[in-house]
Amino acid sequence: MHPHDVTTACVEQLRAALAANGITLPSLGVDLPTFASSYPTPPLVALGNCNAETARALTAALRKAAGQ
């Protein structure tokens, strides 16, 4: 499987997991500049920016998953 396909699948899985918790990161996606890199590193996932309300919801979901 091509690294782009693997990364895209990861992004979609993360988007679905976040949506299951009522969270949307509008800028979530594959970091396209990493494909142009001359370094042999896998593509990165760009989490993007979010507002404070979304950050609080993400924090709460992660804490709940961690049993805190």
C-alpha atoms as a PDB file:
ATOM      1  CA  MET A   1       0.000   0.000   0.000  1.00  0.00           C
ATOM      2  CA  HIS A   2       1.296   3.468  -0.896  1.00  0.00           C
ATOM      3  CA  PRO A   3       2.221   5.729   2.060  1.00  0.00           C
ATOM      4  CA  HIS A   4      -0.370   8.277   0.911  1.00  0.00           C
ATOM      5  CA  ASP A   5      -3.108   5.634   1.095  1.00  0.00           C
ATOM      6  CA  VAL A   6      -1.990   4.549   4.568  1.00  0.00           C
ATOM      7  CA  THR A   7      -1.933   8.132   5.824  1.00  0.00           C
ATOM      8  CA  THR A   8      -5.281   8.951   4.217  1.00  0.00           C
ATOM      9  CA  ALA A   9      -6.842   5.894   5.872  1.00  0.00           C
ATOM     10  CA  CYS A  10      -5.389   6.983   9.216  1.00  0.00           C
ATOM     11  CA  VAL A  11      -6.871  10.457   8.778  1.00  0.00           C
ATOM     12  CA  GLU A  12     -10.297   9.014   7.981  1.00  0.00           C
ATOM     13  CA  GLN A  13     -10.165   6.708  11.011  1.00  0.00           C
ATOM     14  CA  LEU A  14      -9.180   9.617  13.248  1.00  0.00           C
ATOM     15  CA  ARG A  15     -11.932  11.798  11.760  1.00  0.00           C
ATOM     16  CA  ALA A  16     -14.491   9.043  12.465  1.00  0.00           C
ATOM     17  CA  ALA A  17     -13.237   8.526  16.037  1.00  0.00           C
ATOM     18  CA  LEU A  18     -13.396  12.246  16.718  1.00  0.00           C
ATOM     19  CA  ALA A  19     -16.879  12.476  15.186  1.00  0.00           C
ATOM     20  CA  ALA A  20     -18.026   9.635  17.456  1.00  0.00           C
ATOM     21  CA  ASN A  21     -17.115  11.950  20.326  1.00  0.00           C
ATOM     22  CA  GLY A  22     -18.814  14.969  18.760  1.00  0.00           C
ATOM     23  CA  ILE A  23     -15.505  16.572  17.745  1.00  0.00           C
ATOM     24  CA  THR A  24     -14.603  18.036  14.359  1.00  0.00           C
ATOM     25  CA  LEU A  25     -11.151  19.296  13.425  1.00  0.00           C
ATOM     26  CA  PRO A  26     -11.840  21.216  10.199  1.00  0.00           C
ATOM     27  CA  SER A  27      -8.189  21.262   9.108  1.00  0.00           C
ATOM     28  CA  LEU A  28      -7.568  17.550   9.750  1.00  0.00           C
ATOM     29  CA  GLY A  29      -5.854  16.029   6.737  1.00  0.00           C
ATOM     30  CA  VAL A  30      -2.700  14.717   5.145  1.00  0.00           C
ATOM     31  CA  ASP A  31       0.221  17.164   5.315  1.00  0.00           C
ATOM     32  CA  LEU A  32       0.925  17.406   1.597  1.00  0.00           C
ATOM     33  CA  PRO A  33       4.345  19.138   1.863  1.00  0.00           C
ATOM     34  CA  THR A  34       5.754  15.990   3.484  1.00  0.00           C
ATOM     35  CA  PHE A  35       5.268  14.222   0.151  1.00  0.00           C
ATOM     36  CA  ALA A  36       7.624  16.734  -1.464  1.00  0.00           C
ATOM     37  CA  SER A  37      10.307  16.156   1.157  1.00  0.00           C
ATOM     38  CA  SER A  38      13.589  14.634   0.091  1.00  0.00           C
ATOM     39  CA  TYR A  39      13.830  12.867   3.449  1.00  0.00           C
ATOM     40  CA  PRO A  40      12.650   9.261   3.699  1.00  0.00           C
ATOM     41  CA  THR A  41      10.047   9.944   6.365  1.00  0.00           C
ATOM     42  CA  PRO A  42       6.424   8.835   6.217  1.00  0.00           C
ATOM     43  CA  PRO A  43       3.783  11.466   5.458  1.00  0.00           C
ATOM     44  CA  LEU A  44       2.487  13.454   8.412  1.00  0.00           C
ATOM     45  CA  VAL A  45      -1.078  13.976   9.573  1.00  0.00           C
ATOM     46  CA  ALA A  46      -1.969  17.648   9.892  1.00  0.00           C
ATOM     47  CA  LEU A  47      -4.270  18.154  12.856  1.00  0.00           C
ATOM     48  CA  GLY A  48      -4.759  21.812  12.055  1.00  0.00           C
ATOM     49  CA  ASN A  49      -6.208  24.545  14.167  1.00  0.00           C
ATOM     50  CA  CYS A  50      -9.276  24.459  16.372  1.00  0.00           C
ATOM     51  CA  ASN A  51     -11.075  26.819  18.685  1.00  0.00           C
ATOM     52  CA  ALA A  52     -10.986  26.571  22.479  1.00  0.00           C
ATOM     53  CA  GLU A  53     -14.361  24.793  22.641  1.00  0.00           C
ATOM     54  CA  THR A  54     -13.105  22.032  20.349  1.00  0.00           C
ATOM     55  CA  ALA A  55      -9.840  21.768  22.291  1.00  0.00           C
ATOM     56  CA  ARG A  56     -11.810  21.356  25.539  1.00  0.00           C
ATOM     57  CA  ALA A  57     -13.996  18.662  23.962  1.00  0.00           C
ATOM     58  CA  LEU A  58     -10.926  16.826  22.685  1.00  0.00           C
ATOM     59  CA  THR A  59      -9.292  17.062  26.115  1.00  0.00           C
ATOM     60  CA  ALA A  60     -12.406  15.701  27.804  1.00  0.00           C
ATOM     61  CA  ALA A  61     -12.670  12.788  25.347  1.00  0.00           C
ATOM     62  CA  LEU A  62      -9.013  11.872  25.819  1.00  0.00           C
ATOM     63  CA  ARG A  63      -9.305  12.077  29.605  1.00  0.00           C
ATOM     64  CA  LYS A  64     -12.424   9.904  29.558  1.00  0.00           C
ATOM     65  CA  ALA A  65     -10.646   7.326  27.367  1.00  0.00           C
ATOM     66  CA  ALA A  66      -7.705   7.356  29.770  1.00  0.00           C
ATOM     67  CA  GLY A  67     -10.008   6.798  32.741  1.00  0.00           C
ATOM     68  CA  GLN A  68      -9.352  10.186  34.306  1.00  0.00           C
END
